[in-house]
C-alpha atoms as a PDB file:
ATOM      1  CA  MET A   1     -15.869   7.656  -2.189  1.00  0.00           C
ATOM      2  CA  GLY A   2     -19.581   7.861  -2.319  1.00  0.00           C
ATOM      3  CA  HIS A   3     -19.409   9.522   1.079  1.00  0.00           C
ATOM      4  CA  ARG A   4     -17.257  12.432  -0.095  1.00  0.00           C
ATOM      5  CA  HIS A   5     -15.821  11.757  -3.544  1.00  0.00           C
ATOM      6  CA  ARG A   6     -16.327   8.990  -6.065  1.00  0.00           C
ATOM      7  CA  ALA A   7     -12.642   8.557  -6.666  1.00  0.00           C
ATOM      8  CA  HIS A   8     -11.811   7.983  -3.043  1.00  0.00           C
ATOM      9  CA  PRO A   9     -13.612   4.944  -1.620  1.00  0.00           C
ATOM     10  CA  ALA A  10     -11.160   4.438   1.184  1.00  0.00           C
ATOM     11  CA  GLY A  11     -11.656   7.796   2.914  1.00  0.00           C
ATOM     12  CA  HIS A  12     -14.552   7.965   5.336  1.00  0.00           C
ATOM     13  CA  GLY A  13     -14.893  11.217   7.258  1.00  0.00           C
ATOM     14  CA  ARG A  14     -12.649  14.059   8.290  1.00  0.00           C
ATOM     15  CA  LEU A  15     -10.202  14.273  11.141  1.00  0.00           C
ATOM     16  CA  HIS A  16     -11.424  17.626  12.355  1.00  0.00           C
ATOM     17  CA  GLY A  17     -15.123  17.185  11.583  1.00  0.00           C
ATOM     18  CA  ALA A  18     -17.928  14.764  12.257  1.00  0.00           C
ATOM     19  CA  ARG A  19     -17.300  11.057  12.290  1.00  0.00           C
ATOM     20  CA  PRO A  20     -18.710   8.980   9.468  1.00  0.00           C
ATOM     21  CA  GLY A  21     -22.239   7.856   9.823  1.00  0.00           C
ATOM     22  CA  GLY A  22     -25.733   8.245   8.562  1.00  0.00           C
ATOM     23  CA  ASP A  23     -29.315   7.626   9.500  1.00  0.00           C
ATOM     24  CA  ARG A  24     -30.358   4.242   8.166  1.00  0.00           C
ATOM     25  CA  ALA A  25     -33.994   4.924   8.997  1.00  0.00           C
ATOM     26  CA  ASP A  26     -34.017   8.117   6.895  1.00  0.00           C
ATOM     27  CA  LEU A  27     -32.362   6.333   3.979  1.00  0.00           C
ATOM     28  CA  GLY A  28     -34.844   3.483   4.219  1.00  0.00           C
ATOM     29  CA  GLU A  29     -37.732   5.944   4.244  1.00  0.00           C
ATOM     30  CA  SER A  30     -36.298   7.700   1.187  1.00  0.00           C
ATOM     31  CA  ALA A  31     -36.114   4.399  -0.664  1.00  0.00           C
ATOM     32  CA  ARG A  32     -39.725   3.610   0.288  1.00  0.00           C
ATOM     33  CA  LEU A  33     -40.987   6.994  -0.915  1.00  0.00           C
ATOM     34  CA  PHE A  34     -39.119   6.793  -4.217  1.00  0.00           C
ATOM     35  CA  THR A  35     -40.588   3.301  -4.733  1.00  0.00           C
ATOM     36  CA  GLU A  36     -44.113   4.580  -4.093  1.00  0.00           C
ATOM     37  CA  LEU A  37     -43.557   7.472  -6.507  1.00  0.00           C
ATOM     38  CA  GLY A  38     -42.158   5.178  -9.169  1.00  0.00           C
ATOM     39  CA  ASP A  39     -39.036   7.346  -9.314  1.00  0.00           C
ATOM     40  CA  ARG A  40     -36.419   4.772 -10.267  1.00  0.00           C
ATOM     41  CA  TRP A  41     -33.607   7.301 -10.549  1.00  0.00           C
ATOM     42  CA  GLY A  42     -34.345   8.517  -7.022  1.00  0.00           C
ATOM     43  CA  LEU A  43     -34.550   4.919  -5.806  1.00  0.00           C
ATOM     44  CA  LEU A  44     -31.157   4.244  -7.392  1.00  0.00           C
ATOM     45  CA  ARG A  45     -29.667   7.202  -5.491  1.00  0.00           C
ATOM     46  CA  ALA A  46     -31.218   6.121  -2.183  1.00  0.00           C
ATOM     47  CA  THR A  47     -30.092   2.523  -2.697  1.00  0.00           C
ATOM     48  CA  GLU A  48     -26.545   3.674  -3.436  1.00  0.00           C
ATOM     49  CA  TRP A  49     -26.428   5.683  -0.213  1.00  0.00           C
ATOM     50  CA  GLN A  50     -27.780   2.731   1.761  1.00  0.00           C
ATOM     51  CA  ALA A  51     -25.154   0.502   0.158  1.00  0.00           C
ATOM     52  CA  SER A  52     -22.385   3.028   0.833  1.00  0.00           C
ATOM     53  CA  LEU A  53     -23.375   3.182   4.488  1.00  0.00           C
ATOM     54  CA  ALA A  54     -23.348  -0.620   4.714  1.00  0.00           C
ATOM     55  CA  GLU A  55     -19.880  -0.702   3.111  1.00  0.00           C
ATOM     56  CA  MET A  56     -18.628   1.932   5.511  1.00  0.00           C
ATOM     57  CA  ARG A  57     -19.887  -0.151   8.437  1.00  0.00           C
ATOM     58  CA  ARG A  58     -18.158  -3.266   7.057  1.00  0.00           C
ATOM     59  CA  ASP A  59     -21.462  -5.063   6.411  1.00  0.00           C
ATOM     60  CA  ALA A  60     -20.302  -6.834   3.274  1.00  0.00           C
ATOM     61  CA  GLU A  61     -23.450  -8.940   2.857  1.00  0.00           C
ATOM     62  CA  GLN A  62     -25.746  -5.903   2.936  1.00  0.00           C
ATOM     63  CA  ALA A  63     -23.404  -3.845   0.758  1.00  0.00           C
ATOM     64  CA  ASN A  64     -23.209  -6.588  -1.867  1.00  0.00           C
ATOM     65  CA  ARG A  65     -26.989  -6.952  -1.934  1.00  0.00           C
ATOM     66  CA  LEU A  66     -27.669  -3.223  -2.249  1.00  0.00           C
ATOM     67  CA  PHE A  67     -24.912  -2.464  -4.759  1.00  0.00           C
ATOM     68  CA  GLY A  68     -26.143  -5.454  -6.758  1.00  0.00           C
ATOM     69  CA  GLU A  69     -29.675  -4.025  -6.745  1.00  0.00           C
ATOM     70  CA  GLY A  70     -28.314  -0.656  -7.812  1.00  0.00           C
ATOM     71  CA  LEU A  71     -26.324  -2.281 -10.627  1.00  0.00           C
ATOM     72  CA  ARG A  72     -29.438  -3.971 -11.985  1.00  0.00           C
ATOM     73  CA  MET A  73     -31.401  -0.702 -11.821  1.00  0.00           C
ATOM     74  CA  ALA A  74     -28.607   1.204 -13.566  1.00  0.00           C
ATOM     75  CA  GLU A  75     -28.468  -1.427 -16.344  1.00  0.00           C
ATOM     76  CA  GLU A  76     -32.250  -1.305 -16.812  1.00  0.00           C
ATOM     77  CA  LEU A  77     -32.174   2.506 -16.978  1.00  0.00           C
ATOM     78  CA  GLY A  78     -29.220   2.515 -19.385  1.00  0.00           C
ATOM     79  CA  LEU A  79     -27.128   4.636 -17.022  1.00  0.00           C
ATOM     80  CA  TRP A  80     -23.787   3.245 -18.103  1.00  0.00           C
ATOM     81  CA  PRO A  81     -21.533   5.437 -15.922  1.00  0.00           C
ATOM     82  CA  GLU A  82     -23.607   4.220 -12.950  1.00  0.00           C
ATOM     83  CA  VAL A  83     -23.150   0.650 -14.150  1.00  0.00           C
ATOM     84  CA  ALA A  84     -19.379   1.178 -14.018  1.00  0.00           C
ATOM     85  CA  THR A  85     -19.626   2.791 -10.588  1.00  0.00           C
ATOM     86  CA  HIS A  86     -21.706   0.007  -9.055  1.00  0.00           C
ATOM     87  CA  THR A  87     -19.499  -2.675 -10.594  1.00  0.00           C
ATOM     88  CA  ALA A  88     -16.470  -0.953  -9.065  1.00  0.00           C
ATOM     89  CA  TRP A  89     -18.251  -0.708  -5.716  1.00  0.00           C
ATOM     90  CA  LEU A  90     -18.854  -4.465  -5.780  1.00  0.00           C
ATOM     91  CA  GLY A  91     -15.145  -4.847  -6.482  1.00  0.00           C
ATOM     92  CA  TRP A  92     -14.285  -2.670  -3.497  1.00  0.00           C
ATOM     93  CA  VAL A  93     -16.533  -4.718  -1.210  1.00  0.00           C
ATOM     94  CA  ALA A  94     -14.744  -7.857  -2.444  1.00  0.00           C
ATOM     95  CA  LEU A  95     -11.374  -6.179  -1.830  1.00  0.00           C
ATOM     96  CA  GLU A  96     -12.303  -5.200   1.711  1.00  0.00           C
ATOM     97  CA  SER A  97     -13.489  -8.783   2.302  1.00  0.00           C
ATOM     98  CA  ALA A  98     -10.075 -10.107   1.132  1.00  0.00           C
ATOM     99  CA  GLN A  99     -11.616 -11.681  -2.007  1.00  0.00           C
ATOM    100  CA  TYR A 100      -8.821 -10.429  -4.202  1.00  0.00           C
ATOM    101  CA  ASP A 101      -9.386 -12.400  -7.402  1.00  0.00           C
ATOM    102  CA  ARG A 102     -13.046 -11.335  -7.433  1.00  0.00           C
ATOM    103  CA  ALA A 103     -12.017  -7.729  -6.764  1.00  0.00           C
ATOM    104  CA  ILE A 104      -9.522  -7.785  -9.648  1.00  0.00           C
ATOM    105  CA  GLU A 105     -12.182  -9.180 -11.992  1.00  0.00           C
ATOM    106  CA  LEU A 106     -14.903  -6.707 -10.970  1.00  0.00           C
ATOM    107  CA  CYS A 107     -12.681  -3.630 -10.869  1.00  0.00           C
ATOM    108  CA  GLY A 108     -11.091  -4.608 -14.163  1.00  0.00           C
ATOM    109  CA  SER A 109     -14.553  -4.841 -15.723  1.00  0.00           C
ATOM    110  CA  ALA A 110     -15.539  -1.497 -14.197  1.00  0.00           C
ATOM    111  CA  LEU A 111     -12.357   0.099 -15.530  1.00  0.00           C
ATOM    112  CA  ARG A 112     -13.132  -1.054 -19.060  1.00  0.00           C
ATOM    113  CA  GLN A 113     -16.720   0.198 -18.744  1.00  0.00           C
ATOM    114  CA  ALA A 114     -15.618   3.586 -17.412  1.00  0.00           C
ATOM    115  CA  ASN A 115     -12.998   3.903 -20.160  1.00  0.00           C
ATOM    116  CA  ALA A 116     -15.656   3.231 -22.785  1.00  0.00           C
ATOM    117  CA  GLN A 117     -17.809   6.001 -21.314  1.00  0.00           C
ATOM    118  CA  GLY A 118     -14.954   8.471 -20.866  1.00  0.00           C
ATOM    119  CA  TYR A 119     -15.952   8.544 -17.197  1.00  0.00           C
ATOM    120  CA  SER A 120     -12.752   9.681 -15.480  1.00  0.00           C
ATOM    121  CA  LYS A 121     -13.952   9.469 -11.872  1.00  0.00           C
ATOM    122  CA  GLY A 122     -15.187   5.952 -12.484  1.00  0.00           C
ATOM    123  CA  GLU A 123     -11.865   5.047 -14.061  1.00  0.00           C
ATOM    124  CA  THR A 124      -9.988   6.271 -10.997  1.00  0.00           C
ATOM    125  CA  MET A 125     -12.221   4.383  -8.578  1.00  0.00           C
ATOM    126  CA  ALA A 126     -11.976   1.148 -10.560  1.00  0.00           C
ATOM    127  CA  GLU A 127      -8.217   1.414 -11.121  1.00  0.00           C
ATOM    128  CA  MET A 128      -7.614   2.007  -7.417  1.00  0.00           C
ATOM    129  CA  GLY A 129      -9.544  -1.151  -6.519  1.00  0.00           C
ATOM    130  CA  LEU A 130      -7.741  -3.142  -9.199  1.00  0.00           C
ATOM    131  CA  ALA A 131      -4.295  -1.979  -8.069  1.00  0.00           C
ATOM    132  CA  TYR A 132      -4.995  -2.515  -4.362  1.00  0.00           C
ATOM    133  CA  ALA A 133      -6.380  -6.004  -4.927  1.00  0.00           C
ATOM    134  CA  ALA A 134      -3.471  -6.941  -7.200  1.00  0.00           C
ATOM    135  CA  ARG A 135      -0.926  -5.877  -4.568  1.00  0.00           C
ATOM    136  CA  ARG A 136      -2.657  -7.963  -1.898  1.00  0.00           C
ATOM    137  CA  ALA A 137      -2.882 -10.919  -4.277  1.00  0.00           C
ATOM    138  CA  GLY A 138       0.897 -10.768  -4.777  1.00  0.00           C
ATOM    139  CA  ARG A 139       0.649  -9.515  -8.373  1.00  0.00           C
ATOM    140  CA  LEU A 140       3.116  -6.725  -7.724  1.00  0.00           C
ATOM    141  CA  ASP A 141       3.955  -5.828 -11.319  1.00  0.00           C
ATOM    142  CA  LEU A 142       0.269  -5.441 -12.199  1.00  0.00           C
ATOM    143  CA  ALA A 143      -0.327  -3.356  -9.083  1.00  0.00           C
ATOM    144  CA  GLU A 144       2.731  -1.176  -9.637  1.00  0.00           C
ATOM    145  CA  GLY A 145       1.758  -0.297 -13.196  1.00  0.00           C
ATOM    146  CA  HIS A 146      -1.702   0.853 -12.141  1.00  0.00           C
ATOM    147  CA  LEU A 147      -0.426   2.748  -9.097  1.00  0.00           C
ATOM    148  CA  HIS A 148       2.031   4.737 -11.171  1.00  0.00           C
ATOM    149  CA  HIS A 149      -0.713   5.441 -13.703  1.00  0.00           C
ATOM    150  CA  LEU A 150      -2.962   6.736 -10.906  1.00  0.00           C
ATOM    151  CA  LEU A 151      -0.194   9.100  -9.797  1.00  0.00           C
ATOM    152  CA  GLU A 152       0.370  10.527 -13.283  1.00  0.00           C
ATOM    153  CA  GLY A 153      -0.499  14.192 -13.460  1.00  0.00           C
ATOM    154  CA  LEU A 154      -1.182  14.540  -9.729  1.00  0.00           C
ATOM    155  CA  SER A 155       0.512  17.393  -7.915  1.00  0.00           C
ATOM    156  CA  ARG A 156       2.613  16.238  -4.962  1.00  0.00           C
ATOM    157  CA  ASP A 157       3.439  19.773  -3.867  1.00  0.00           C
ATOM    158  CA  PRO A 158       3.236  19.677  -0.035  1.00  0.00           C
ATOM    159  CA  ASP A 159       1.860  23.221  -0.049  1.00  0.00           C
ATOM    160  CA  GLY A 160      -0.805  22.493  -2.655  1.00  0.00           C
ATOM    161  CA  GLU A 161      -4.275  20.996  -2.422  1.00  0.00           C
ATOM    162  CA  PRO A 162      -3.880  17.216  -2.885  1.00  0.00           C
ATOM    163  CA  ALA A 163      -6.239  15.047  -4.900  1.00  0.00           C
ATOM    164  CA  LEU A 164      -8.349  13.005  -2.516  1.00  0.00           C
ATOM    165  CA  HIS A 165      -7.022   9.688  -3.799  1.00  0.00           C
ATOM    166  CA  LEU A 166      -3.353  10.756  -3.663  1.00  0.00           C
ATOM    167  CA  PRO A 167      -2.540   9.640  -0.087  1.00  0.00           C
ATOM    168  CA  ASP A 168      -4.239   6.247  -0.466  1.00  0.00           C
ATOM    169  CA  THR A 169      -2.324   5.600  -3.674  1.00  0.00           C
ATOM    170  CA  LEU A 170       0.980   6.581  -2.055  1.00  0.00           C
ATOM    171  CA  ILE A 171       0.247   4.210   0.852  1.00  0.00           C
ATOM    172  CA  GLU A 172      -0.375   1.315  -1.524  1.00  0.00           C
ATOM    173  CA  LEU A 173       2.831   2.104  -3.380  1.00  0.00           C
ATOM    174  CA  GLY A 174       4.571   2.226  -0.005  1.00  0.00           C
ATOM    175  CA  TRP A 175       3.348  -1.261   0.926  1.00  0.00           C
ATOM    176  CA  LEU A 176       4.463  -2.543  -2.466  1.00  0.00           C
ATOM    177  CA  THR A 177       7.859  -0.889  -2.104  1.00  0.00           C
ATOM    178  CA  GLU A 178       8.271  -2.492   1.333  1.00  0.00           C
ATOM    179  CA  LEU A 179       7.401  -5.904  -0.104  1.00  0.00           C
ATOM    180  CA  ARG A 180      10.142  -5.382  -2.698  1.00  0.00           C
ATOM    181  CA  GLY A 181      12.628  -4.757   0.126  1.00  0.00           C
ATOM    182  CA  ASP A 182      13.160  -0.994  -0.168  1.00  0.00           C
ATOM    183  CA  LEU A 183      12.314   0.060   3.381  1.00  0.00           C
ATOM    184  CA  ALA A 184      13.696   3.600   3.108  1.00  0.00           C
ATOM    185  CA  GLY A 185      11.717   4.254  -0.064  1.00  0.00           C
ATOM    186  CA  ALA A 186       8.601   2.810   1.536  1.00  0.00           C
ATOM    187  CA  MET A 187       8.984   4.989   4.630  1.00  0.00           C
ATOM    188  CA  ALA A 188       9.333   8.118   2.483  1.00  0.00           C
ATOM    189  CA  LEU A 189       6.103   7.259   0.649  1.00  0.00           C
ATOM    190  CA  HIS A 190       4.180   6.653   3.873  1.00  0.00           C
ATOM    191  CA  ALA A 191       5.452   9.883   5.426  1.00  0.00           C
ATOM    192  CA  GLU A 192       4.343  11.767   2.308  1.00  0.00           C
ATOM    193  CA  ALA A 193       0.968  10.029   2.403  1.00  0.00           C
ATOM    194  CA  TRP A 194       0.528  10.827   6.107  1.00  0.00           C
ATOM    195  CA  ALA A 195       1.067  14.541   5.483  1.00  0.00           C
ATOM    196  CA  PHE A 196      -1.447  14.650   2.622  1.00  0.00           C
ATOM    197  CA  ALA A 197      -4.039  12.567   4.479  1.00  0.00           C
ATOM    198  CA  TRP A 198      -3.723  14.781   7.550  1.00  0.00           C
ATOM    199  CA  LYS A 199      -4.123  17.875   5.398  1.00  0.00           C
ATOM    200  CA  ILE A 200      -7.246  16.442   3.743  1.00  0.00           C
ATOM    201  CA  GLY A 201      -8.611  15.410   7.142  1.00  0.00           C
ATOM    202  CA  ASP A 202      -9.140  11.706   6.425  1.00  0.00           C
ATOM    203  CA  PRO A 203      -8.598   9.619   9.585  1.00  0.00           C
ATOM    204  CA  ARG A 204      -8.787   6.173   7.981  1.00  0.00           C
ATOM    205  CA  THR A 205      -6.116   7.016   5.430  1.00  0.00           C
ATOM    206  CA  THR A 206      -3.945   8.822   7.992  1.00  0.00           C
ATOM    207  CA  ILE A 207      -4.017   5.713  10.187  1.00  0.00           C
ATOM    208  CA  GLY A 208      -3.256   3.583   7.143  1.00  0.00           C
ATOM    209  CA  ALA A 209      -0.114   5.617   6.522  1.00  0.00           C
ATOM    210  CA  VAL A 210       1.000   4.957  10.109  1.00  0.00           C
ATOM    211  CA  GLU A 211       0.448   1.209   9.691  1.00  0.00           C
ATOM    212  CA  GLY A 212       2.375   1.253   6.425  1.00  0.00           C
ATOM    213  CA  ALA A 213       5.205   3.111   8.139  1.00  0.00           C
ATOM    214  CA  ALA A 214       5.247   0.391  10.809  1.00  0.00           C
ATOM    215  CA  ALA A 215       5.983  -2.114   8.048  1.00  0.00           C
ATOM    216  CA  ALA A 216       8.625   0.152   6.522  1.00  0.00           C
ATOM    217  CA  ALA A 217      10.346   0.478   9.920  1.00  0.00           C
ATOM    218  CA  GLY A 218      11.222  -3.209   9.825  1.00  0.00           C
ATOM    219  CA  PRO A 219      10.943  -5.450  12.905  1.00  0.00           C
ATOM    220  CA  THR A 220      11.981  -2.726  15.349  1.00  0.00           C
ATOM    221  CA  GLU A 221      10.759  -0.865  18.409  1.00  0.00           C
ATOM    222  CA  GLN A 222       9.688   1.967  16.090  1.00  0.00           C
ATOM    223  CA  SER A 223       7.391  -0.479  14.311  1.00  0.00           C
ATOM    224  CA  ALA A 224       5.769  -1.541  17.597  1.00  0.00           C
ATOM    225  CA  LEU A 225       5.299   2.094  18.628  1.00  0.00           C
ATOM    226  CA  LEU A 226       3.592   2.904  15.340  1.00  0.00           C
ATOM    227  CA  LEU A 227       1.382  -0.172  15.561  1.00  0.00           C
ATOM    228  CA  GLY A 228       0.299   0.858  19.052  1.00  0.00           C
ATOM    229  CA  LEU A 229      -0.411   4.415  17.923  1.00  0.00           C
ATOM    230  CA  ALA A 230      -2.463   3.201  14.958  1.00  0.00           C
ATOM    231  CA  ALA A 231      -4.451   0.754  17.086  1.00  0.00           C
ATOM    232  CA  ALA A 232      -5.301   3.489  19.589  1.00  0.00           C
ATOM    233  CA  ALA A 233      -6.317   5.855  16.787  1.00  0.00           C
ATOM    234  CA  ARG A 234      -8.567   3.223  15.230  1.00  0.00           C
ATOM    235  CA  GLU A 235     -10.276   2.744  18.562  1.00  0.00           C
ATOM    236  CA  GLY A 236     -10.613   6.480  19.137  1.00  0.00           C
ATOM    237  CA  TYR A 237     -12.082   7.146  15.699  1.00  0.00           C
ATOM    238  CA  GLN A 238     -14.144   3.936  15.762  1.00  0.00           C
ATOM    239  CA  LEU A 239     -12.505   2.723  12.553  1.00  0.00           C
ATOM    240  CA  PRO A 240     -11.832  -1.012  12.949  1.00  0.00           C
ATOM    241  CA  PRO A 241      -9.729  -2.544  10.191  1.00  0.00           C
ATOM    242  CA  GLY A 242     -11.373  -4.648   7.523  1.00  0.00           C
ATOM    243  CA  ALA A 243     -10.188  -8.104   6.519  1.00  0.00           C
ATOM    244  CA  ALA A 244      -7.761  -6.789   3.903  1.00  0.00           C
ATOM    245  CA  GLU A 245      -6.274  -4.226   6.296  1.00  0.00           C
ATOM    246  CA  LEU A 246      -5.960  -6.868   9.014  1.00  0.00           C
ATOM    247  CA  GLU A 247      -3.800  -9.035   6.778  1.00  0.00           C
ATOM    248  CA  ASP A 248      -1.212  -6.263   6.460  1.00  0.00           C
ATOM    249  CA  ILE A 249      -1.384  -5.317  10.137  1.00  0.00           C
ATOM    250  CA  GLU A 250      -1.056  -8.899  11.342  1.00  0.00           C
ATOM    251  CA  ARG A 251       1.900  -9.612   9.054  1.00  0.00           C
ATOM    252  CA  VAL A 252       3.800  -6.656  10.488  1.00  0.00           C
ATOM    253  CA  THR A 253       2.729  -7.398  14.055  1.00  0.00           C
ATOM    254  CA  VAL A 254       3.825 -11.037  13.960  1.00  0.00           C
ATOM    255  CA  ARG A 255       7.186 -10.162  12.411  1.00  0.00           C
ATOM    256  CA  THR A 256       7.882  -7.386  14.920  1.00  0.00           C
ATOM    257  CA  ARG A 257       6.748  -9.388  17.966  1.00  0.00           C
ATOM    258  CA  GLU A 258       8.994 -12.293  16.968  1.00  0.00           C
ATOM    259  CA  ALA A 259      11.984  -9.963  16.530  1.00  0.00           C
ATOM    260  CA  LEU A 260      11.541  -7.999  19.774  1.00  0.00           C
ATOM    261  CA  GLY A 261      10.117 -10.676  22.043  1.00  0.00           C
ATOM    262  CA  GLU A 262       6.707 -10.472  23.666  1.00  0.00           C
ATOM    263  CA  GLU A 263       7.679  -8.266  26.615  1.00  0.00           C
ATOM    264  CA  ALA A 264       9.561  -5.618  24.625  1.00  0.00           C
ATOM    265  CA  PHE A 265       6.914  -5.593  21.910  1.00  0.00           C
ATOM    266  CA  ALA A 266       4.099  -5.155  24.434  1.00  0.00           C
ATOM    267  CA  ALA A 267       5.909  -2.295  26.165  1.00  0.00           C
ATOM    268  CA  ALA A 268       6.566  -0.399  22.920  1.00  0.00           C
ATOM    269  CA  PHE A 269       3.047  -1.066  21.639  1.00  0.00           C
ATOM    270  CA  ALA A 270       1.571   0.275  24.881  1.00  0.00           C
ATOM    271  CA  GLN A 271       3.779   3.360  24.715  1.00  0.00           C
ATOM    272  CA  GLY A 272       2.621   3.967  21.142  1.00  0.00           C
ATOM    273  CA  GLY A 273      -0.957   3.856  22.365  1.00  0.00           C
ATOM    274  CA  THR A 274      -0.341   6.931  24.502  1.00  0.00           C
ATOM    275  CA  TYR A 275       0.395   9.060  21.435  1.00  0.00           C
ATOM    276  CA  LYS A 276      -2.123  10.998  19.337  1.00  0.00           C
ATOM    277  CA  LEU A 277      -2.448  10.613  15.592  1.00  0.00           C
ATOM    278  CA  ASP A 278      -0.716  13.917  14.920  1.00  0.00           C
ATOM    279  CA  ASP A 279       2.300  12.704  16.956  1.00  0.00           C
ATOM    280  CA  ALA A 280       3.043  10.250  14.151  1.00  0.00           C
ATOM    281  CA  GLN A 281       4.810  12.915  12.090  1.00  0.00           C
ATOM    282  CA  ASP A 282       7.628  12.884  14.666  1.00  0.00           C
ATOM    283  CA  LEU A 283       7.888   9.066  14.578  1.00  0.00           C
ATOM    284  CA  LEU A 284       8.072   8.509  10.805  1.00  0.00           C
END
């Protein structure tokens, strides 16, 4: 999102490049200088980057405070596309904190604001947050309608250049499809998402596709292998799951452990941990 592309808040960093990060001291100094200069637009930009870094590091309290400050500045400056963006960001922080009703409310408001401005990137960001929160809140019909709308007009040509939000959206649709009981359809969506995320070079989303595939595999040894692979990749890339991601992971883990038994689950999970993220394509 703010780290690479406003329509893609879930992707933080590239597989084959530097890990996500940033220098908080430099950002703080930028904010101080813009304040001294009385440059409120510059201060808004610096505050947004500080907030984005806090969100990326899962510091929800700091992210909420900074995005809230940015929202107030954007309102005072009459920068209505920025108002929509910061409202959506607050919705994403709520989503990642598993506050789904709040996320639906904020992202829904941001979507209406972005629509009124004809701000397409803001619309995409807000609609993603709304759909993802609705799925996690069990409002599957609401989520499904928005997910299909997000996919409209996007090329899914495996040889083409995918939109940055395509793999995340396919993953969410995969989770929803699994919840509706269509495991084969869900697995196909996660495999497609994995390929696009790998091509883009987004480790968080690539790992998310593996975790979704673990759910689509049902309570099987394959599921335990994929869970182990994803856990190892998260550790290697220093990408711990947030509260919302943990809910999905734990649901699949509990179901698979109960089906296999503790010993068999542990063995398959450990074996999965020996694989690399690019090995997943042979396991899906």
